[in-house]
Amino acid sequence: MSATHRLDTALITGASTGIGATYAQRLAQRGHDLVLVARDKARLQALAERLTRESGVKVDVLAADLTSAPERELVEQRLRDDGSIGLLINNAGMAGSGPIVAQQLDRFEAMIQLNVVAPTRLTSAILPRLLERGRGSIINIASVVALAPELFDGTYNGTKSYLLNYTITLHKEVAGRGIQVQAVLPGVTRTEIWERSGIDANTLPAHLIMEVDEMVDAALAGYDMGELVTIPSLPDVEDWNRYTAARLHLGPNLSRDHAADRYKSDISEDA
């Protein structure tokens, strides 16, 4: 990470525990001042005091429920106004544990607000300022289910697919303008999100579960390498490169002025 980035303040959402708290610890060790955002103010304050004591950095606490528009606006305003913030980590998120047919509409809506609307609005709040100064970074915590939607709850998977696609598009827009963008796609990570979604992570095969420290360290290593997409558990990056190449290969035929012949064979035979 460059000396410039070390001087930037990092704002981290979902920072009271798990992935967000671990990012906070690692970035404090690197010398970043921090703004920690989550609903649990007591936990945030305890973490802030510990990080200040251990690393000597300045840590501000901003308690906010990002599914609430008025509270989210407080965070957006901080991102617009605070010129010291140059790194945004959109980590806050929630998962579900039920099928779409279960009609958990209130939970689905809250999930979309937190996993999709919040990172979109927070990114939009900070981006003009970062572009104006010509440097900064945005990290979006997605999930491997963005690539494997059959594996988990449909609404959750959809929100993580959005984050991946949004990050790739954002990178295309800001490439060459001093802004680094990264999507992190963790697999199963041992955090409280499982308990909150009604799933006992201990019932999952142990070889599937990564400890949060290892996940964040890998994500930051990918960030330091300049990766656009980091999948912490993927052994061979060429697998991702081949996946991307296959996706791009579809491009020329995704929009044409006529339907593919394979959809016309029955019509021709009938005629």
C-alpha atoms as a PDB file:
ATOM      1  CA  MET A   1       0.000   0.000   0.000  1.00  0.00           C
ATOM      2  CA  SER A   2       1.339   3.401  -0.918  1.00  0.00           C
ATOM      3  CA  ALA A   3       2.398   6.041   1.566  1.00  0.00           C
ATOM      4  CA  THR A   4      -0.485   8.181   0.333  1.00  0.00           C
ATOM      5  CA  HIS A   5      -3.031   5.537   1.235  1.00  0.00           C
ATOM      6  CA  ARG A   6      -1.493   5.030   4.659  1.00  0.00           C
ATOM      7  CA  LEU A   7      -2.303   8.645   5.473  1.00  0.00           C
ATOM      8  CA  ASP A   8      -5.930   8.345   4.421  1.00  0.00           C
ATOM      9  CA  THR A   9      -8.673   7.799   6.943  1.00  0.00           C
ATOM     10  CA  ALA A  10     -10.667   4.638   6.284  1.00  0.00           C
ATOM     11  CA  LEU A  11     -14.416   4.497   6.846  1.00  0.00           C
ATOM     12  CA  ILE A  12     -15.587   0.935   7.481  1.00  0.00           C
ATOM     13  CA  THR A  13     -19.218  -0.129   7.675  1.00  0.00           C
ATOM     14  CA  GLY A  14     -20.291  -3.110   9.734  1.00  0.00           C
ATOM     15  CA  ALA A  15     -17.220  -2.462  11.846  1.00  0.00           C
ATOM     16  CA  SER A  16     -18.374  -3.632  15.259  1.00  0.00           C
ATOM     17  CA  THR A  17     -17.461  -7.289  14.748  1.00  0.00           C
ATOM     18  CA  GLY A  18     -16.280  -9.917  12.277  1.00  0.00           C
ATOM     19  CA  ILE A  19     -14.838  -8.842   8.945  1.00  0.00           C
ATOM     20  CA  GLY A  20     -15.329  -5.125   9.583  1.00  0.00           C
ATOM     21  CA  ALA A  21     -13.641  -5.183  12.989  1.00  0.00           C
ATOM     22  CA  THR A  22     -10.744  -7.185  11.565  1.00  0.00           C
ATOM     23  CA  TYR A  23     -10.290  -4.695   8.722  1.00  0.00           C
ATOM     24  CA  ALA A  24     -10.253  -1.964  11.361  1.00  0.00           C
ATOM     25  CA  GLN A  25      -7.518  -3.709  13.303  1.00  0.00           C
ATOM     26  CA  ARG A  26      -5.370  -4.370  10.253  1.00  0.00           C
ATOM     27  CA  LEU A  27      -5.729  -0.851   8.877  1.00  0.00           C
ATOM     28  CA  ALA A  28      -4.966   0.677  12.273  1.00  0.00           C
ATOM     29  CA  GLN A  29      -1.780  -1.376  12.327  1.00  0.00           C
ATOM     30  CA  ARG A  30      -0.922   0.093   8.919  1.00  0.00           C
ATOM     31  CA  GLY A  31      -1.354   3.607  10.270  1.00  0.00           C
ATOM     32  CA  HIS A  32      -4.821   4.563   9.050  1.00  0.00           C
ATOM     33  CA  ASP A  33      -7.084   6.717  11.149  1.00  0.00           C
ATOM     34  CA  LEU A  34     -10.565   5.227  11.154  1.00  0.00           C
ATOM     35  CA  VAL A  35     -14.254   6.016  11.128  1.00  0.00           C
ATOM     36  CA  LEU A  36     -16.179   2.981  12.361  1.00  0.00           C
ATOM     37  CA  VAL A  37     -19.832   2.593  11.391  1.00  0.00           C
ATOM     38  CA  ALA A  38     -22.344   0.087  12.780  1.00  0.00           C
ATOM     39  CA  ARG A  39     -25.527  -0.003  14.854  1.00  0.00           C
ATOM     40  CA  ASP A  40     -23.908  -1.185  18.098  1.00  0.00           C
ATOM     41  CA  LYS A  41     -22.364   1.967  19.576  1.00  0.00           C
ATOM     42  CA  ALA A  42     -21.035   0.268  22.692  1.00  0.00           C
ATOM     43  CA  ARG A  43     -19.124  -2.309  20.671  1.00  0.00           C
ATOM     44  CA  LEU A  44     -17.778   0.364  18.357  1.00  0.00           C
ATOM     45  CA  GLN A  45     -16.535   2.465  21.255  1.00  0.00           C
ATOM     46  CA  ALA A  46     -14.834  -0.511  22.880  1.00  0.00           C
ATOM     47  CA  LEU A  47     -13.092  -1.357  19.600  1.00  0.00           C
ATOM     48  CA  ALA A  48     -12.129   2.272  19.017  1.00  0.00           C
ATOM     49  CA  GLU A  49     -10.550   2.567  22.461  1.00  0.00           C
ATOM     50  CA  ARG A  50      -8.592  -0.645  21.986  1.00  0.00           C
ATOM     51  CA  LEU A  51      -7.299   0.315  18.532  1.00  0.00           C
ATOM     52  CA  THR A  52      -6.277   3.774  19.706  1.00  0.00           C
ATOM     53  CA  ARG A  53      -4.475   2.259  22.667  1.00  0.00           C
ATOM     54  CA  GLU A  54      -2.709  -0.412  20.602  1.00  0.00           C
ATOM     55  CA  SER A  55      -1.914   1.500  17.408  1.00  0.00           C
ATOM     56  CA  GLY A  56      -2.053   5.163  18.359  1.00  0.00           C
ATOM     57  CA  VAL A  57      -4.417   6.073  15.522  1.00  0.00           C
ATOM     58  CA  LYS A  58      -7.449   8.322  15.746  1.00  0.00           C
ATOM     59  CA  VAL A  59     -10.706   6.368  15.684  1.00  0.00           C
ATOM     60  CA  ASP A  60     -14.123   8.001  15.398  1.00  0.00           C
ATOM     61  CA  VAL A  61     -17.365   6.155  16.053  1.00  0.00           C
ATOM     62  CA  LEU A  62     -20.461   6.793  13.962  1.00  0.00           C
ATOM     63  CA  ALA A  63     -23.386   4.684  15.146  1.00  0.00           C
ATOM     64  CA  ALA A  64     -25.931   4.266  12.353  1.00  0.00           C
ATOM     65  CA  ASP A  65     -28.420   1.761  11.009  1.00  0.00           C
ATOM     66  CA  LEU A  66     -27.717   1.753   7.271  1.00  0.00           C
ATOM     67  CA  THR A  67     -31.181   0.408   6.479  1.00  0.00           C
ATOM     68  CA  SER A  68     -32.603   3.691   7.806  1.00  0.00           C
ATOM     69  CA  ALA A  69     -32.450   6.537   5.281  1.00  0.00           C
ATOM     70  CA  PRO A  70     -32.031   9.326   7.886  1.00  0.00           C
ATOM     71  CA  GLU A  71     -29.233   7.480   9.696  1.00  0.00           C
ATOM     72  CA  ARG A  72     -27.560   6.487   6.443  1.00  0.00           C
ATOM     73  CA  GLU A  73     -27.590  10.134   5.392  1.00  0.00           C
ATOM     74  CA  LEU A  74     -25.346  10.944   8.374  1.00  0.00           C
ATOM     75  CA  VAL A  75     -22.723   8.588   6.983  1.00  0.00           C
ATOM     76  CA  GLU A  76     -23.164   9.908   3.450  1.00  0.00           C
ATOM     77  CA  GLN A  77     -22.646  13.458   4.707  1.00  0.00           C
ATOM     78  CA  ARG A  78     -19.483  12.447   6.545  1.00  0.00           C
ATOM     79  CA  LEU A  79     -18.131  10.909   3.328  1.00  0.00           C
ATOM     80  CA  ARG A  80     -18.949  14.050   1.350  1.00  0.00           C
ATOM     81  CA  ASP A  81     -17.516  16.504   3.871  1.00  0.00           C
ATOM     82  CA  ASP A  82     -14.521  14.811   5.513  1.00  0.00           C
ATOM     83  CA  GLY A  83     -11.564  15.379   3.217  1.00  0.00           C
ATOM     84  CA  SER A  84      -9.365  13.016   5.218  1.00  0.00           C
ATOM     85  CA  ILE A  85     -11.395   9.939   4.256  1.00  0.00           C
ATOM     86  CA  GLY A  86      -9.843   8.301   1.229  1.00  0.00           C
ATOM     87  CA  LEU A  87     -10.720   4.646   1.748  1.00  0.00           C
ATOM     88  CA  LEU A  88     -14.286   3.319   1.959  1.00  0.00           C
ATOM     89  CA  ILE A  89     -14.924  -0.302   2.900  1.00  0.00           C
ATOM     90  CA  ASN A  90     -18.518  -1.317   2.240  1.00  0.00           C
ATOM     91  CA  ASN A  91     -18.670  -4.333   4.509  1.00  0.00           C
ATOM     92  CA  ALA A  92     -22.015  -4.115   6.316  1.00  0.00           C
ATOM     93  CA  GLY A  93     -24.382  -6.831   5.214  1.00  0.00           C
ATOM     94  CA  MET A  94     -26.948  -9.363   6.269  1.00  0.00           C
ATOM     95  CA  ALA A  95     -27.802 -12.842   5.057  1.00  0.00           C
ATOM     96  CA  GLY A  96     -30.988 -14.870   4.898  1.00  0.00           C
ATOM     97  CA  SER A  97     -31.740 -18.505   5.496  1.00  0.00           C
ATOM     98  CA  GLY A  98     -35.095 -19.072   3.856  1.00  0.00           C
ATOM     99  CA  PRO A  99     -36.341 -19.782   0.325  1.00  0.00           C
ATOM    100  CA  ILE A 100     -37.865 -17.044  -1.800  1.00  0.00           C
ATOM    101  CA  VAL A 101     -41.235 -18.812  -1.607  1.00  0.00           C
ATOM    102  CA  ALA A 102     -41.273 -18.243   2.156  1.00  0.00           C
ATOM    103  CA  GLN A 103     -42.181 -14.605   1.426  1.00  0.00           C
ATOM    104  CA  GLN A 104     -40.004 -13.037   4.123  1.00  0.00           C
ATOM    105  CA  LEU A 105     -40.588  -9.723   2.404  1.00  0.00           C
ATOM    106  CA  ASP A 106     -39.612  -7.388   5.229  1.00  0.00           C
ATOM    107  CA  ARG A 107     -36.333  -9.239   5.719  1.00  0.00           C
ATOM    108  CA  PHE A 108     -35.662  -9.311   1.975  1.00  0.00           C
ATOM    109  CA  GLU A 109     -36.266  -5.571   1.754  1.00  0.00           C
ATOM    110  CA  ALA A 110     -33.962  -4.862   4.699  1.00  0.00           C
ATOM    111  CA  MET A 111     -31.308  -7.063   3.097  1.00  0.00           C
ATOM    112  CA  ILE A 112     -31.516  -5.148  -0.170  1.00  0.00           C
ATOM    113  CA  GLN A 113     -31.308  -1.847   1.698  1.00  0.00           C
ATOM    114  CA  LEU A 114     -28.191  -2.925   3.591  1.00  0.00           C
ATOM    115  CA  ASN A 115     -26.415  -5.011   0.950  1.00  0.00           C
ATOM    116  CA  VAL A 116     -27.271  -2.963  -2.152  1.00  0.00           C
ATOM    117  CA  VAL A 117     -28.690   0.487  -1.454  1.00  0.00           C
ATOM    118  CA  ALA A 118     -26.255   1.410   1.324  1.00  0.00           C
ATOM    119  CA  PRO A 119     -22.996   0.642  -0.528  1.00  0.00           C
ATOM    120  CA  THR A 120     -24.351   2.291  -3.668  1.00  0.00           C
ATOM    121  CA  ARG A 121     -25.267   5.489  -1.859  1.00  0.00           C
ATOM    122  CA  LEU A 122     -22.088   5.591   0.218  1.00  0.00           C
ATOM    123  CA  THR A 123     -19.953   5.100  -2.876  1.00  0.00           C
ATOM    124  CA  SER A 124     -21.841   7.862  -4.656  1.00  0.00           C
ATOM    125  CA  ALA A 125     -21.294  10.126  -1.656  1.00  0.00           C
ATOM    126  CA  ILE A 126     -17.506   9.774  -1.588  1.00  0.00           C
ATOM    127  CA  LEU A 127     -16.690   9.255  -5.260  1.00  0.00           C
ATOM    128  CA  PRO A 128     -16.927  12.854  -6.562  1.00  0.00           C
ATOM    129  CA  ARG A 129     -14.518  14.029  -3.888  1.00  0.00           C
ATOM    130  CA  LEU A 130     -12.061  11.190  -4.578  1.00  0.00           C
ATOM    131  CA  LEU A 131     -12.154  11.910  -8.296  1.00  0.00           C
ATOM    132  CA  GLU A 132     -11.585  15.594  -7.682  1.00  0.00           C
ATOM    133  CA  ARG A 133      -8.440  14.942  -5.676  1.00  0.00           C
ATOM    134  CA  GLY A 134      -7.336  12.107  -7.988  1.00  0.00           C
ATOM    135  CA  ARG A 135      -6.798   9.313  -5.476  1.00  0.00           C
ATOM    136  CA  GLY A 136      -8.653   7.005  -3.128  1.00  0.00           C
ATOM    137  CA  SER A 137      -9.980   3.487  -2.777  1.00  0.00           C
ATOM    138  CA  ILE A 138     -13.309   1.681  -2.487  1.00  0.00           C
ATOM    139  CA  ILE A 139     -13.542  -1.931  -1.309  1.00  0.00           C
ATOM    140  CA  ASN A 140     -16.843  -3.802  -1.589  1.00  0.00           C
ATOM    141  CA  ILE A 141     -17.299  -7.034   0.352  1.00  0.00           C
ATOM    142  CA  ALA A 142     -19.340  -9.332  -1.868  1.00  0.00           C
ATOM    143  CA  SER A 143     -19.349 -13.159  -1.700  1.00  0.00           C
ATOM    144  CA  VAL A 144     -18.504 -16.217  -3.758  1.00  0.00           C
ATOM    145  CA  VAL A 145     -22.248 -16.852  -4.084  1.00  0.00           C
ATOM    146  CA  ALA A 146     -22.198 -14.060  -6.675  1.00  0.00           C
ATOM    147  CA  LEU A 147     -20.623 -16.765  -8.861  1.00  0.00           C
ATOM    148  CA  ALA A 148     -22.630 -19.700  -7.485  1.00  0.00           C
ATOM    149  CA  PRO A 149     -26.231 -18.536  -6.959  1.00  0.00           C
ATOM    150  CA  GLU A 150     -27.475 -22.101  -6.466  1.00  0.00           C
ATOM    151  CA  LEU A 151     -25.624 -22.430  -3.174  1.00  0.00           C
ATOM    152  CA  PHE A 152     -27.511 -20.101  -0.843  1.00  0.00           C
ATOM    153  CA  ASP A 153     -30.503 -17.843  -0.297  1.00  0.00           C
ATOM    154  CA  GLY A 154     -31.698 -16.297  -3.562  1.00  0.00           C
ATOM    155  CA  THR A 155     -32.108 -12.716  -2.342  1.00  0.00           C
ATOM    156  CA  TYR A 156     -28.737 -12.713  -0.591  1.00  0.00           C
ATOM    157  CA  ASN A 157     -27.051 -14.141  -3.681  1.00  0.00           C
ATOM    158  CA  GLY A 158     -28.691 -11.477  -5.817  1.00  0.00           C
ATOM    159  CA  THR A 159     -27.374  -8.689  -3.611  1.00  0.00           C
ATOM    160  CA  LYS A 160     -23.839 -10.054  -3.784  1.00  0.00           C
ATOM    161  CA  SER A 161     -24.051 -10.453  -7.564  1.00  0.00           C
ATOM    162  CA  TYR A 162     -25.044  -6.803  -7.697  1.00  0.00           C
ATOM    163  CA  LEU A 163     -21.988  -5.791  -5.668  1.00  0.00           C
ATOM    164  CA  LEU A 164     -19.653  -7.740  -7.939  1.00  0.00           C
ATOM    165  CA  ASN A 165     -21.126  -6.289 -11.138  1.00  0.00           C
ATOM    166  CA  TYR A 166     -21.303  -2.801  -9.633  1.00  0.00           C
ATOM    167  CA  THR A 167     -17.628  -2.950  -8.654  1.00  0.00           C
ATOM    168  CA  ILE A 168     -16.518  -4.112 -12.105  1.00  0.00           C
ATOM    169  CA  THR A 169     -18.512  -1.302 -13.733  1.00  0.00           C
ATOM    170  CA  LEU A 170     -17.177   1.246 -11.239  1.00  0.00           C
ATOM    171  CA  HIS A 171     -13.631   0.169 -12.014  1.00  0.00           C
ATOM    172  CA  LYS A 172     -14.279   0.698 -15.725  1.00  0.00           C
ATOM    173  CA  GLU A 173     -15.541   4.223 -15.051  1.00  0.00           C
ATOM    174  CA  VAL A 174     -12.665   5.323 -12.815  1.00  0.00           C
ATOM    175  CA  ALA A 175      -9.781   3.454 -14.450  1.00  0.00           C
ATOM    176  CA  GLY A 176      -6.856   5.778 -14.975  1.00  0.00           C
ATOM    177  CA  ARG A 177      -8.232   8.426 -12.614  1.00  0.00           C
ATOM    178  CA  GLY A 178      -6.356   7.432  -9.469  1.00  0.00           C
ATOM    179  CA  ILE A 179      -9.137   5.428  -7.823  1.00  0.00           C
ATOM    180  CA  GLN A 180      -8.518   1.816  -6.820  1.00  0.00           C
ATOM    181  CA  VAL A 181     -11.573  -0.438  -6.652  1.00  0.00           C
ATOM    182  CA  GLN A 182     -11.778  -3.972  -5.290  1.00  0.00           C
ATOM    183  CA  ALA A 183     -14.518  -6.568  -4.858  1.00  0.00           C
ATOM    184  CA  VAL A 184     -13.770  -9.206  -2.231  1.00  0.00           C
ATOM    185  CA  LEU A 185     -15.568 -12.542  -2.618  1.00  0.00           C
ATOM    186  CA  PRO A 186     -15.183 -14.540   0.596  1.00  0.00           C
ATOM    187  CA  GLY A 187     -16.448 -18.060   0.967  1.00  0.00           C
ATOM    188  CA  VAL A 188     -17.851 -19.219   4.295  1.00  0.00           C
ATOM    189  CA  THR A 189     -16.168 -17.079   6.944  1.00  0.00           C
ATOM    190  CA  ARG A 190     -16.541 -17.591  10.682  1.00  0.00           C
ATOM    191  CA  THR A 191     -18.478 -14.485  11.750  1.00  0.00           C
ATOM    192  CA  GLU A 192     -21.710 -13.644  13.542  1.00  0.00           C
ATOM    193  CA  ILE A 193     -23.621 -13.282  10.259  1.00  0.00           C
ATOM    194  CA  TRP A 194     -24.413 -16.987  10.349  1.00  0.00           C
ATOM    195  CA  GLU A 195     -25.973 -16.880  13.786  1.00  0.00           C
ATOM    196  CA  ARG A 196     -27.963 -13.773  12.869  1.00  0.00           C
ATOM    197  CA  SER A 197     -29.325 -15.477   9.763  1.00  0.00           C
ATOM    198  CA  GLY A 198     -30.393 -18.551  11.713  1.00  0.00           C
ATOM    199  CA  ILE A 199     -27.639 -20.879  10.503  1.00  0.00           C
ATOM    200  CA  ASP A 200     -25.265 -22.796  12.762  1.00  0.00           C
ATOM    201  CA  ALA A 201     -21.913 -22.546  10.996  1.00  0.00           C
ATOM    202  CA  ASN A 202     -20.660 -25.473  13.075  1.00  0.00           C
ATOM    203  CA  THR A 203     -22.952 -27.763  11.070  1.00  0.00           C
ATOM    204  CA  LEU A 204     -21.003 -26.950   7.901  1.00  0.00           C
ATOM    205  CA  PRO A 205     -17.950 -29.008   6.897  1.00  0.00           C
ATOM    206  CA  ALA A 206     -14.910 -27.609   8.666  1.00  0.00           C
ATOM    207  CA  HIS A 207     -12.854 -27.499   5.463  1.00  0.00           C
ATOM    208  CA  LEU A 208     -15.277 -24.916   4.039  1.00  0.00           C
ATOM    209  CA  ILE A 209     -14.932 -22.379   6.861  1.00  0.00           C
ATOM    210  CA  MET A 210     -12.178 -19.754   6.824  1.00  0.00           C
ATOM    211  CA  GLU A 211     -11.227 -17.834   9.934  1.00  0.00           C
ATOM    212  CA  VAL A 212     -11.883 -14.131   9.640  1.00  0.00           C
ATOM    213  CA  ASP A 213      -8.267 -13.058  10.234  1.00  0.00           C
ATOM    214  CA  GLU A 214      -7.049 -15.183   7.335  1.00  0.00           C
ATOM    215  CA  MET A 215      -9.818 -13.938   5.060  1.00  0.00           C
ATOM    216  CA  VAL A 216      -9.098 -10.265   5.695  1.00  0.00           C
ATOM    217  CA  ASP A 217      -5.337 -10.733   5.413  1.00  0.00           C
ATOM    218  CA  ALA A 218      -5.821 -12.395   2.028  1.00  0.00           C
ATOM    219  CA  ALA A 219      -8.203  -9.641   0.915  1.00  0.00           C
ATOM    220  CA  LEU A 220      -5.685  -6.963   1.863  1.00  0.00           C
ATOM    221  CA  ALA A 221      -2.919  -8.867   0.086  1.00  0.00           C
ATOM    222  CA  GLY A 222      -5.112  -8.835  -3.024  1.00  0.00           C
ATOM    223  CA  TYR A 223      -5.686  -5.122  -2.525  1.00  0.00           C
ATOM    224  CA  ASP A 224      -1.946  -4.503  -2.267  1.00  0.00           C
ATOM    225  CA  MET A 225      -1.500  -6.463  -5.513  1.00  0.00           C
ATOM    226  CA  GLY A 226      -4.041  -4.229  -7.236  1.00  0.00           C
ATOM    227  CA  GLU A 227      -6.591  -6.975  -7.850  1.00  0.00           C
ATOM    228  CA  LEU A 228     -10.022  -5.894  -9.011  1.00  0.00           C
ATOM    229  CA  VAL A 229     -11.596  -9.122  -7.754  1.00  0.00           C
ATOM    230  CA  THR A 230     -10.130 -11.083  -4.847  1.00  0.00           C
ATOM    231  CA  ILE A 231     -11.367 -14.581  -3.988  1.00  0.00           C
ATOM    232  CA  PRO A 232      -9.385 -15.450  -0.838  1.00  0.00           C
ATOM    233  CA  SER A 233      -9.745 -19.236  -1.133  1.00  0.00           C
ATOM    234  CA  LEU A 234      -9.118 -19.576  -4.885  1.00  0.00           C
ATOM    235  CA  PRO A 235      -5.768 -21.394  -5.363  1.00  0.00           C
ATOM    236  CA  ASP A 236      -5.172 -20.540  -9.035  1.00  0.00           C
ATOM    237  CA  VAL A 237      -5.940 -17.045 -10.302  1.00  0.00           C
ATOM    238  CA  GLU A 238      -5.984 -18.442 -13.838  1.00  0.00           C
ATOM    239  CA  ASP A 239      -9.313 -20.084 -12.999  1.00  0.00           C
ATOM    240  CA  TRP A 240     -10.762 -16.604 -12.510  1.00  0.00           C
ATOM    241  CA  ASN A 241      -9.042 -15.325 -15.633  1.00  0.00           C
ATOM    242  CA  ARG A 242     -10.555 -18.164 -17.677  1.00  0.00           C
ATOM    243  CA  TYR A 243     -13.985 -17.473 -16.205  1.00  0.00           C
ATOM    244  CA  THR A 244     -13.666 -13.800 -17.154  1.00  0.00           C
ATOM    245  CA  ALA A 245     -12.453 -14.665 -20.654  1.00  0.00           C
ATOM    246  CA  ALA A 246     -15.419 -17.026 -21.155  1.00  0.00           C
ATOM    247  CA  ARG A 247     -17.837 -14.329 -20.009  1.00  0.00           C
ATOM    248  CA  LEU A 248     -16.311 -11.739 -22.318  1.00  0.00           C
ATOM    249  CA  HIS A 249     -16.433 -14.230 -25.195  1.00  0.00           C
ATOM    250  CA  LEU A 250     -20.240 -14.026 -25.019  1.00  0.00           C
ATOM    251  CA  GLY A 251     -20.129 -10.261 -25.555  1.00  0.00           C
ATOM    252  CA  PRO A 252     -20.392  -9.931 -29.346  1.00  0.00           C
ATOM    253  CA  ASN A 253     -23.504 -12.118 -29.442  1.00  0.00           C
ATOM    254  CA  LEU A 254     -25.412 -10.825 -26.434  1.00  0.00           C
ATOM    255  CA  SER A 255     -27.189  -8.128 -28.449  1.00  0.00           C
ATOM    256  CA  ARG A 256     -27.842  -8.488 -32.183  1.00  0.00           C
ATOM    257  CA  ASP A 257     -30.469  -7.344 -34.689  1.00  0.00           C
ATOM    258  CA  HIS A 258     -31.908 -10.842 -35.097  1.00  0.00           C
ATOM    259  CA  ALA A 259     -32.640 -13.899 -33.009  1.00  0.00           C
ATOM    260  CA  ALA A 260     -30.268 -16.847 -33.123  1.00  0.00           C
ATOM    261  CA  ASP A 261     -31.027 -19.461 -35.744  1.00  0.00           C
ATOM    262  CA  ARG A 262     -31.521 -22.085 -33.027  1.00  0.00           C
ATOM    263  CA  TYR A 263     -34.730 -20.316 -32.068  1.00  0.00           C
ATOM    264  CA  LYS A 264     -35.997 -20.379 -35.673  1.00  0.00           C
ATOM    265  CA  SER A 265     -35.542 -24.025 -36.665  1.00  0.00           C
ATOM    266  CA  ASP A 266     -39.032 -25.139 -35.617  1.00  0.00           C
ATOM    267  CA  ILE A 267     -40.596 -22.197 -37.409  1.00  0.00           C
ATOM    268  CA  SER A 268     -38.702 -23.022 -40.611  1.00  0.00           C
ATOM    269  CA  GLU A 269     -39.723 -26.673 -40.471  1.00  0.00           C
ATOM    270  CA  ASP A 270     -43.391 -25.791 -39.990  1.00  0.00           C
ATOM    271  CA  ALA A 271     -43.284 -23.417 -42.939  1.00  0.00           C
END
